[in-house]
Amino acid sequence: MAGQDQNNGNQNGVLDNNEIEPTQQSDVEEETAVEEYIMLDSKLDELNTALDYLEKKNDDIHERLKELLQSNIDVRQELRNESAESTPNK
């Protein structure tokens, strides 16, 4: 009868360690996954902020280069005009 009592224990809703452990491990894995997603989201926000900063710096540099190019074009045109005025027409 003692052997029958052990079998009845599992049939009466009592779980052994093998049945409980996966549930606990699954909960821990789920919590770990959630924490990893939160950390990943935070890192992506940081990267997005850094990329926005770099994009703004790039736009500023591009604008300054365009201004410098236009300034050089203007200076060359003035030099050509002065050169043309100072040389006599043949």
PDB file of N, CA and C in Angstrom:
ATOM      1  N   MET A   1       0.796  -1.183   0.000  1.00  0.00           N
ATOM      2  CA  MET A   1       0.000   0.000   0.000  1.00  0.00           C
ATOM      3  C   MET A   1       0.846   1.258   0.000  1.00  0.00           C
ATOM      4  N   ALA A   2       1.990   1.173   0.530  1.00  0.00           N
ATOM      5  CA  ALA A   2       2.842   2.351   0.561  1.00  0.00           C
ATOM      6  C   ALA A   2       3.154   2.810  -0.850  1.00  0.00           C
ATOM      7  N   GLY A   3       3.340   1.894  -1.768  1.00  0.00           N
ATOM      8  CA  GLY A   3       3.596   2.258  -3.150  1.00  0.00           C
ATOM      9  C   GLY A   3       2.406   2.925  -3.784  1.00  0.00           C
ATOM     10  N   GLN A   4       1.224   2.552  -3.363  1.00  0.00           N
ATOM     11  CA  GLN A   4       0.023   3.175  -3.915  1.00  0.00           C
ATOM     12  C   GLN A   4      -0.137   4.599  -3.407  1.00  0.00           C
ATOM     13  N   ASP A   5       0.268   4.875  -2.195  1.00  0.00           N
ATOM     14  CA  ASP A   5       0.146   6.219  -1.632  1.00  0.00           C
ATOM     15  C   ASP A   5       1.012   7.219  -2.408  1.00  0.00           C
ATOM     16  N   GLN A   6       2.191   6.801  -2.829  1.00  0.00           N
ATOM     17  CA  GLN A   6       3.059   7.702  -3.585  1.00  0.00           C
ATOM     18  C   GLN A   6       2.440   8.042  -4.928  1.00  0.00           C
ATOM     19  N   ASN A   7       1.844   7.076  -5.576  1.00  0.00           N
ATOM     20  CA  ASN A   7       1.214   7.340  -6.858  1.00  0.00           C
ATOM     21  C   ASN A   7       0.003   8.235  -6.692  1.00  0.00           C
ATOM     22  N   ASN A   8      -0.757   8.018  -5.625  1.00  0.00           N
ATOM     23  CA  ASN A   8      -1.934   8.848  -5.380  1.00  0.00           C
ATOM     24  C   ASN A   8      -1.544  10.289  -5.083  1.00  0.00           C
ATOM     25  N   GLY A   9      -0.358  10.504  -4.489  1.00  0.00           N
ATOM     26  CA  GLY A   9       0.080  11.862  -4.176  1.00  0.00           C
ATOM     27  C   GLY A   9       0.220  12.692  -5.427  1.00  0.00           C
ATOM     28  N   ASN A  10       0.769  12.139  -6.492  1.00  0.00           N
ATOM     29  CA  ASN A  10       0.922  12.875  -7.738  1.00  0.00           C
ATOM     30  C   ASN A  10      -0.407  13.063  -8.438  1.00  0.00           C
ATOM     31  N   GLN A  11      -1.320  12.138  -8.250  1.00  0.00           N
ATOM     32  CA  GLN A  11      -2.621  12.251  -8.888  1.00  0.00           C
ATOM     33  C   GLN A  11      -3.512  13.244  -8.154  1.00  0.00           C
ATOM     34  N   ASN A  12      -3.223  13.549  -6.911  1.00  0.00           N
ATOM     35  CA  ASN A  12      -4.034  14.472  -6.120  1.00  0.00           C
ATOM     36  C   ASN A  12      -3.600  15.930  -6.295  1.00  0.00           C
ATOM     37  N   GLY A  13      -2.821  16.225  -7.288  1.00  0.00           N
ATOM     38  CA  GLY A  13      -2.450  17.603  -7.552  1.00  0.00           C
ATOM     39  C   GLY A  13      -1.129  18.028  -6.950  1.00  0.00           C
ATOM     40  N   VAL A  14      -0.421  17.149  -6.306  1.00  0.00           N
ATOM     41  CA  VAL A  14       0.879  17.491  -5.747  1.00  0.00           C
ATOM     42  C   VAL A  14       1.906  17.355  -6.863  1.00  0.00           C
ATOM     43  N   LEU A  15       2.697  18.404  -7.067  1.00  0.00           N
ATOM     44  CA  LEU A  15       3.682  18.420  -8.149  1.00  0.00           C
ATOM     45  C   LEU A  15       5.051  18.079  -7.590  1.00  0.00           C
ATOM     46  N   ASP A  16       5.826  17.386  -8.359  1.00  0.00           N
ATOM     47  CA  ASP A  16       7.195  17.120  -7.928  1.00  0.00           C
ATOM     48  C   ASP A  16       8.096  18.256  -8.411  1.00  0.00           C
ATOM     49  N   ASN A  17       9.347  18.228  -8.032  1.00  0.00           N
ATOM     50  CA  ASN A  17      10.288  19.313  -8.349  1.00  0.00           C
ATOM     51  C   ASN A  17      10.482  19.506  -9.842  1.00  0.00           C
ATOM     52  N   ASN A  18      10.418  18.449 -10.615  1.00  0.00           N
ATOM     53  CA  ASN A  18      10.609  18.575 -12.058  1.00  0.00           C
ATOM     54  C   ASN A  18       9.504  19.397 -12.700  1.00  0.00           C
ATOM     55  N   GLU A  19       8.322  19.355 -12.132  1.00  0.00           N
ATOM     56  CA  GLU A  19       7.214  20.113 -12.702  1.00  0.00           C
ATOM     57  C   GLU A  19       7.220  21.564 -12.236  1.00  0.00           C
ATOM     58  N   ILE A  20       7.740  21.855 -11.095  1.00  0.00           N
ATOM     59  CA  ILE A  20       7.754  23.217 -10.551  1.00  0.00           C
ATOM     60  C   ILE A  20       8.909  24.028 -11.131  1.00  0.00           C
ATOM     61  N   GLU A  21      10.056  23.411 -11.261  1.00  0.00           N
ATOM     62  CA  GLU A  21      11.257  24.125 -11.689  1.00  0.00           C
ATOM     63  C   GLU A  21      11.121  24.822 -13.031  1.00  0.00           C
ATOM     64  N   PRO A  22      10.578  24.198 -14.077  1.00  0.00           N
ATOM     65  CA  PRO A  22      10.474  24.908 -15.350  1.00  0.00           C
ATOM     66  C   PRO A  22       9.622  26.171 -15.249  1.00  0.00           C
ATOM     67  N   THR A  23       8.587  26.156 -14.445  1.00  0.00           N
ATOM     68  CA  THR A  23       7.755  27.336 -14.285  1.00  0.00           C
ATOM     69  C   THR A  23       8.565  28.461 -13.641  1.00  0.00           C
ATOM     70  N   GLN A  24       9.310  28.138 -12.595  1.00  0.00           N
ATOM     71  CA  GLN A  24      10.134  29.151 -11.934  1.00  0.00           C
ATOM     72  C   GLN A  24      11.231  29.635 -12.868  1.00  0.00           C
ATOM     73  N   GLN A  25      11.857  28.735 -13.580  1.00  0.00           N
ATOM     74  CA  GLN A  25      12.909  29.114 -14.519  1.00  0.00           C
ATOM     75  C   GLN A  25      12.333  29.974 -15.636  1.00  0.00           C
ATOM     76  N   SER A  26      11.144  29.643 -16.089  1.00  0.00           N
ATOM     77  CA  SER A  26      10.500  30.423 -17.135  1.00  0.00           C
ATOM     78  C   SER A  26      10.209  31.836 -16.653  1.00  0.00           C
ATOM     79  N   ASP A  27       9.762  31.970 -15.413  1.00  0.00           N
ATOM     80  CA  ASP A  27       9.500  33.298 -14.852  1.00  0.00           C
ATOM     81  C   ASP A  27      10.783  34.116 -14.782  1.00  0.00           C
ATOM     82  N   VAL A  28      11.855  33.484 -14.351  1.00  0.00           N
ATOM     83  CA  VAL A  28      13.147  34.181 -14.255  1.00  0.00           C
ATOM     84  C   VAL A  28      13.619  34.581 -15.644  1.00  0.00           C
ATOM     85  N   GLU A  29      13.493  33.668 -16.610  1.00  0.00           N
ATOM     86  CA  GLU A  29      13.902  33.994 -17.974  1.00  0.00           C
ATOM     87  C   GLU A  29      13.066  35.131 -18.539  1.00  0.00           C
ATOM     88  N   GLU A  30      11.778  35.134 -18.231  1.00  0.00           N
ATOM     89  CA  GLU A  30      10.896  36.202 -18.725  1.00  0.00           C
ATOM     90  C   GLU A  30      11.281  37.542 -18.114  1.00  0.00           C
ATOM     91  N   GLU A  31      11.561  37.546 -16.810  1.00  0.00           N
ATOM     92  CA  GLU A  31      11.983  38.789 -16.152  1.00  0.00           C
ATOM     93  C   GLU A  31      13.304  39.277 -16.733  1.00  0.00           C
ATOM     94  N   THR A  32      14.219  38.339 -16.969  1.00  0.00           N
ATOM     95  CA  THR A  32      15.510  38.699 -17.549  1.00  0.00           C
ATOM     96  C   THR A  32      15.319  39.274 -18.952  1.00  0.00           C
ATOM     97  N   ALA A  33      14.434  38.662 -19.733  1.00  0.00           N
ATOM     98  CA  ALA A  33      14.175  39.149 -21.089  1.00  0.00           C
ATOM     99  C   ALA A  33      13.582  40.550 -21.052  1.00  0.00           C
ATOM    100  N   VAL A  34      12.666  40.793 -20.129  1.00  0.00           N
ATOM    101  CA  VAL A  34      12.062  42.125 -20.010  1.00  0.00           C
ATOM    102  C   VAL A  34      13.124  43.148 -19.641  1.00  0.00           C
ATOM    103  N   GLU A  35      13.987  42.799 -18.696  1.00  0.00           N
ATOM    104  CA  GLU A  35      15.064  43.718 -18.301  1.00  0.00           C
ATOM    105  C   GLU A  35      16.000  43.992 -19.480  1.00  0.00           C
ATOM    106  N   GLU A  36      16.297  42.941 -20.246  1.00  0.00           N
ATOM    107  CA  GLU A  36      17.175  43.121 -21.404  1.00  0.00           C
ATOM    108  C   GLU A  36      16.523  44.011 -22.456  1.00  0.00           C
ATOM    109  N   TYR A  37      15.213  43.863 -22.655  1.00  0.00           N
ATOM    110  CA  TYR A  37      14.508  44.726 -23.612  1.00  0.00           C
ATOM    111  C   TYR A  37      14.514  46.176 -23.135  1.00  0.00           C
ATOM    112  N   ILE A  38      14.342  46.389 -21.851  1.00  0.00           N
ATOM    113  CA  ILE A  38      14.368  47.750 -21.308  1.00  0.00           C
ATOM    114  C   ILE A  38      15.759  48.349 -21.499  1.00  0.00           C
ATOM    115  N   MET A  39      16.799  47.560 -21.203  1.00  0.00           N
ATOM    116  CA  MET A  39      18.171  48.050 -21.372  1.00  0.00           C
ATOM    117  C   MET A  39      18.464  48.314 -22.850  1.00  0.00           C
ATOM    118  N   LEU A  40      18.016  47.424 -23.717  1.00  0.00           N
ATOM    119  CA  LEU A  40      18.216  47.607 -25.152  1.00  0.00           C
ATOM    120  C   LEU A  40      17.508  48.859 -25.647  1.00  0.00           C
ATOM    121  N   ASP A  41      16.291  49.088 -25.169  1.00  0.00           N
ATOM    122  CA  ASP A  41      15.538  50.279 -25.547  1.00  0.00           C
ATOM    123  C   ASP A  41      16.276  51.541 -25.101  1.00  0.00           C
ATOM    124  N   SER A  42      16.826  51.494 -23.900  1.00  0.00           N
ATOM    125  CA  SER A  42      17.590  52.637 -23.393  1.00  0.00           C
ATOM    126  C   SER A  42      18.825  52.901 -24.260  1.00  0.00           C
ATOM    127  N   LYS A  43      19.531  51.836 -24.616  1.00  0.00           N
ATOM    128  CA  LYS A  43      20.718  51.989 -25.460  1.00  0.00           C
ATOM    129  C   LYS A  43      20.343  52.523 -26.840  1.00  0.00           C
ATOM    130  N   LEU A  44      19.232  52.053 -27.387  1.00  0.00           N
ATOM    131  CA  LEU A  44      18.785  52.565 -28.687  1.00  0.00           C
ATOM    132  C   LEU A  44      18.433  54.043 -28.607  1.00  0.00           C
ATOM    133  N   ASP A  45      17.835  54.463 -27.493  1.00  0.00           N
ATOM    134  CA  ASP A  45      17.546  55.891 -27.309  1.00  0.00           C
ATOM    135  C   ASP A  45      18.842  56.697 -27.272  1.00  0.00           C
ATOM    136  N   GLU A  46      19.857  56.167 -26.570  1.00  0.00           N
ATOM    137  CA  GLU A  46      21.146  56.855 -26.502  1.00  0.00           C
ATOM    138  C   GLU A  46      21.775  56.962 -27.890  1.00  0.00           C
ATOM    139  N   LEU A  47      21.730  55.872 -28.636  1.00  0.00           N
ATOM    140  CA  LEU A  47      22.277  55.889 -29.995  1.00  0.00           C
ATOM    141  C   LEU A  47      21.529  56.866 -30.888  1.00  0.00           C
ATOM    142  N   ASN A  48      20.214  56.900 -30.747  1.00  0.00           N
ATOM    143  CA  ASN A  48      19.405  57.822 -31.542  1.00  0.00           C
ATOM    144  C   ASN A  48      19.775  59.270 -31.227  1.00  0.00           C
ATOM    145  N   THR A  49      19.975  59.562 -29.952  1.00  0.00           N
ATOM    146  CA  THR A  49      20.378  60.908 -29.544  1.00  0.00           C
ATOM    147  C   THR A  49      21.751  61.254 -30.129  1.00  0.00           C
ATOM    148  N   ALA A  50      22.681  60.305 -30.063  1.00  0.00           N
ATOM    149  CA  ALA A  50      24.024  60.541 -30.610  1.00  0.00           C
ATOM    150  C   ALA A  50      23.966  60.742 -32.117  1.00  0.00           C
ATOM    151  N   LEU A  51      23.159  59.950 -32.802  1.00  0.00           N
ATOM    152  CA  LEU A  51      23.034  60.097 -34.254  1.00  0.00           C
ATOM    153  C   LEU A  51      22.382  61.431 -34.618  1.00  0.00           C
ATOM    154  N   ASP A  52      21.398  61.866 -33.842  1.00  0.00           N
ATOM    155  CA  ASP A  52      20.790  63.181 -34.084  1.00  0.00           C
ATOM    156  C   ASP A  52      21.827  64.287 -33.937  1.00  0.00           C
ATOM    157  N   TYR A  53      22.670  64.173 -32.903  1.00  0.00           N
ATOM    158  CA  TYR A  53      23.726  65.162 -32.680  1.00  0.00           C
ATOM    159  C   TYR A  53      24.701  65.185 -33.863  1.00  0.00           C
ATOM    160  N   LEU A  54      25.133  63.983 -34.297  1.00  0.00           N
ATOM    161  CA  LEU A  54      26.061  63.906 -35.431  1.00  0.00           C
ATOM    162  C   LEU A  54      25.433  64.443 -36.711  1.00  0.00           C
ATOM    163  N   GLU A  55      24.157  64.177 -36.907  1.00  0.00           N
ATOM    164  CA  GLU A  55      23.465  64.683 -38.104  1.00  0.00           C
ATOM    165  C   GLU A  55      23.417  66.210 -38.086  1.00  0.00           C
ATOM    166  N   LYS A  56      23.149  66.795 -36.915  1.00  0.00           N
ATOM    167  CA  LYS A  56      23.123  68.255 -36.808  1.00  0.00           C
ATOM    168  C   LYS A  56      24.511  68.838 -37.068  1.00  0.00           C
ATOM    169  N   LYS A  57      25.541  68.222 -36.487  1.00  0.00           N
ATOM    170  CA  LYS A  57      26.904  68.693 -36.727  1.00  0.00           C
ATOM    171  C   LYS A  57      27.248  68.597 -38.214  1.00  0.00           C
ATOM    172  N   ASN A  58      26.867  67.514 -38.865  1.00  0.00           N
ATOM    173  CA  ASN A  58      27.121  67.326 -40.286  1.00  0.00           C
ATOM    174  C   ASN A  58      26.415  68.410 -41.096  1.00  0.00           C
ATOM    175  N   ASP A  59      25.158  68.686 -40.755  1.00  0.00           N
ATOM    176  CA  ASP A  59      24.416  69.741 -41.450  1.00  0.00           C
ATOM    177  C   ASP A  59      25.084  71.103 -41.260  1.00  0.00           C
ATOM    178  N   ASP A  60      25.558  71.375 -40.033  1.00  0.00           N
ATOM    179  CA  ASP A  60      26.244  72.647 -39.761  1.00  0.00           C
ATOM    180  C   ASP A  60      27.531  72.760 -40.577  1.00  0.00           C
ATOM    181  N   ILE A  61      28.293  71.676 -40.616  1.00  0.00           N
ATOM    182  CA  ILE A  61      29.540  71.679 -41.394  1.00  0.00           C
ATOM    183  C   ILE A  61      29.241  71.873 -42.875  1.00  0.00           C
ATOM    184  N   HIS A  62      28.221  71.201 -43.364  1.00  0.00           N
ATOM    185  CA  HIS A  62      27.847  71.338 -44.774  1.00  0.00           C
ATOM    186  C   HIS A  62      27.463  72.780 -45.088  1.00  0.00           C
ATOM    187  N   GLU A  63      26.690  73.395 -44.220  1.00  0.00           N
ATOM    188  CA  GLU A  63      26.274  74.784 -44.435  1.00  0.00           C
ATOM    189  C   GLU A  63      27.484  75.723 -44.418  1.00  0.00           C
ATOM    190  N   ARG A  64      28.400  75.505 -43.485  1.00  0.00           N
ATOM    191  CA  ARG A  64      29.593  76.351 -43.417  1.00  0.00           C
ATOM    192  C   ARG A  64      30.474  76.165 -44.656  1.00  0.00           C
ATOM    193  N   LEU A  65      30.571  74.937 -45.147  1.00  0.00           N
ATOM    194  CA  LEU A  65      31.352  74.704 -46.366  1.00  0.00           C
ATOM    195  C   LEU A  65      30.728  75.392 -47.574  1.00  0.00           C
ATOM    196  N   LYS A  66      29.397  75.380 -47.652  1.00  0.00           N
ATOM    197  CA  LYS A  66      28.727  76.087 -48.748  1.00  0.00           C
ATOM    198  C   LYS A  66      28.998  77.589 -48.663  1.00  0.00           C
ATOM    199  N   GLU A  67      28.967  78.140 -47.456  1.00  0.00           N
ATOM    200  CA  GLU A  67      29.257  79.566 -47.281  1.00  0.00           C
ATOM    201  C   GLU A  67      30.700  79.868 -47.678  1.00  0.00           C
ATOM    202  N   LEU A  68      31.627  79.001 -47.281  1.00  0.00           N
ATOM    203  CA  LEU A  68      33.035  79.189 -47.639  1.00  0.00           C
ATOM    204  C   LEU A  68      33.232  79.107 -49.152  1.00  0.00           C
ATOM    205  N   LEU A  69      32.577  78.171 -49.791  1.00  0.00           N
ATOM    206  CA  LEU A  69      32.662  78.038 -51.245  1.00  0.00           C
ATOM    207  C   LEU A  69      32.124  79.289 -51.934  1.00  0.00           C
ATOM    208  N   GLN A  70      30.989  79.784 -51.475  1.00  0.00           N
ATOM    209  CA  GLN A  70      30.421  80.995 -52.071  1.00  0.00           C
ATOM    210  C   GLN A  70      31.343  82.191 -51.854  1.00  0.00           C
ATOM    211  N   SER A  71      31.933  82.267 -50.678  1.00  0.00           N
ATOM    212  CA  SER A  71      32.878  83.347 -50.388  1.00  0.00           C
ATOM    213  C   SER A  71      34.078  83.274 -51.332  1.00  0.00           C
ATOM    214  N   ASN A  72      34.604  82.072 -51.553  1.00  0.00           N
ATOM    215  CA  ASN A  72      35.734  81.915 -52.473  1.00  0.00           C
ATOM    216  C   ASN A  72      35.348  82.285 -53.902  1.00  0.00           C
ATOM    217  N   ILE A  73      34.148  81.912 -54.316  1.00  0.00           N
ATOM    218  CA  ILE A  73      33.672  82.276 -55.655  1.00  0.00           C
ATOM    219  C   ILE A  73      33.599  83.800 -55.776  1.00  0.00           C
ATOM    220  N   ASP A  74      33.070  84.461 -54.760  1.00  0.00           N
ATOM    221  CA  ASP A  74      32.959  85.920 -54.776  1.00  0.00           C
ATOM    222  C   ASP A  74      34.333  86.581 -54.837  1.00  0.00           C
ATOM    223  N   VAL A  75      35.279  86.083 -54.033  1.00  0.00           N
ATOM    224  CA  VAL A  75      36.629  86.653 -54.021  1.00  0.00           C
ATOM    225  C   VAL A  75      37.291  86.471 -55.392  1.00  0.00           C
ATOM    226  N   ARG A  76      37.175  85.339 -55.996  1.00  0.00           N
ATOM    227  CA  ARG A  76      37.760  85.106 -57.321  1.00  0.00           C
ATOM    228  C   ARG A  76      37.140  86.025 -58.369  1.00  0.00           C
ATOM    229  N   GLN A  77      35.843  86.207 -58.287  1.00  0.00           N
ATOM    230  CA  GLN A  77      35.171  87.094 -59.238  1.00  0.00           C
ATOM    231  C   GLN A  77      35.669  88.525 -59.080  1.00  0.00           C
ATOM    232  N   GLU A  78      35.836  88.969 -57.843  1.00  0.00           N
ATOM    233  CA  GLU A  78      36.357  90.317 -57.601  1.00  0.00           C
ATOM    234  C   GLU A  78      37.773  90.446 -58.153  1.00  0.00           C
ATOM    235  N   LEU A  79      38.594  89.415 -57.919  1.00  0.00           N
ATOM    236  CA  LEU A  79      39.964  89.462 -58.438  1.00  0.00           C
ATOM    237  C   LEU A  79      39.980  89.507 -59.959  1.00  0.00           C
ATOM    238  N   ARG A  80      39.108  88.771 -60.602  1.00  0.00           N
ATOM    239  CA  ARG A  80      39.020  88.806 -62.072  1.00  0.00           C
ATOM    240  C   ARG A  80      38.591  90.194 -62.549  1.00  0.00           C
ATOM    241  N   ASN A  81      37.620  90.777 -61.850  1.00  0.00           N
ATOM    242  CA  ASN A  81      37.149  92.118 -62.227  1.00  0.00           C
ATOM    243  C   ASN A  81      38.258  93.149 -62.067  1.00  0.00           C
ATOM    244  N   GLU A  82      38.981  93.078 -60.973  1.00  0.00           N
ATOM    245  CA  GLU A  82      40.086  94.014 -60.755  1.00  0.00           C
ATOM    246  C   GLU A  82      41.186  93.801 -61.801  1.00  0.00           C
ATOM    247  N   SER A  83      41.461  92.553 -62.110  1.00  0.00           N
ATOM    248  CA  SER A  83      42.490  92.241 -63.099  1.00  0.00           C
ATOM    249  C   SER A  83      42.073  92.752 -64.471  1.00  0.00           C
ATOM    250  N   ALA A  84      40.817  92.596 -64.797  1.00  0.00           N
ATOM    251  CA  ALA A  84      40.321  93.055 -66.102  1.00  0.00           C
ATOM    252  C   ALA A  84      40.348  94.579 -66.180  1.00  0.00           C
ATOM    253  N   GLU A  85      40.075  95.273 -65.109  1.00  0.00           N
ATOM    254  CA  GLU A  85      40.077  96.747 -65.101  1.00  0.00           C
ATOM    255  C   GLU A  85      41.495  97.305 -65.200  1.00  0.00           C
ATOM    256  N   SER A  86      42.451  96.602 -64.610  1.00  0.00           N
ATOM    257  CA  SER A  86      43.817  97.122 -64.602  1.00  0.00           C
ATOM    258  C   SER A  86      44.587  96.810 -65.890  1.00  0.00           C
ATOM    259  N   THR A  87      44.172  95.858 -66.656  1.00  0.00           N
ATOM    260  CA  THR A  87      44.869  95.566 -67.917  1.00  0.00           C
ATOM    261  C   THR A  87      44.208  96.365 -69.038  1.00  0.00           C
ATOM    262  N   PRO A  88      45.009  96.981 -69.898  1.00  0.00           N
ATOM    263  CA  PRO A  88      44.461  97.755 -71.015  1.00  0.00           C
ATOM    264  C   PRO A  88      43.890  96.822 -72.084  1.00  0.00           C
ATOM    265  N   ASN A  89      42.850  97.281 -72.748  1.00  0.00           N
ATOM    266  CA  ASN A  89      42.256  96.510 -73.850  1.00  0.00           C
ATOM    267  C   ASN A  89      43.151  96.622 -75.066  1.00  0.00           C
ATOM    268  N   LYS A  90      43.332  95.555 -75.766  1.00  0.00           N
ATOM    269  CA  LYS A  90      44.185  95.576 -76.937  1.00  0.00           C
ATOM    270  C   LYS A  90      43.379  95.729 -78.170  1.00  0.00           C
TER     271      LYS A  90
END
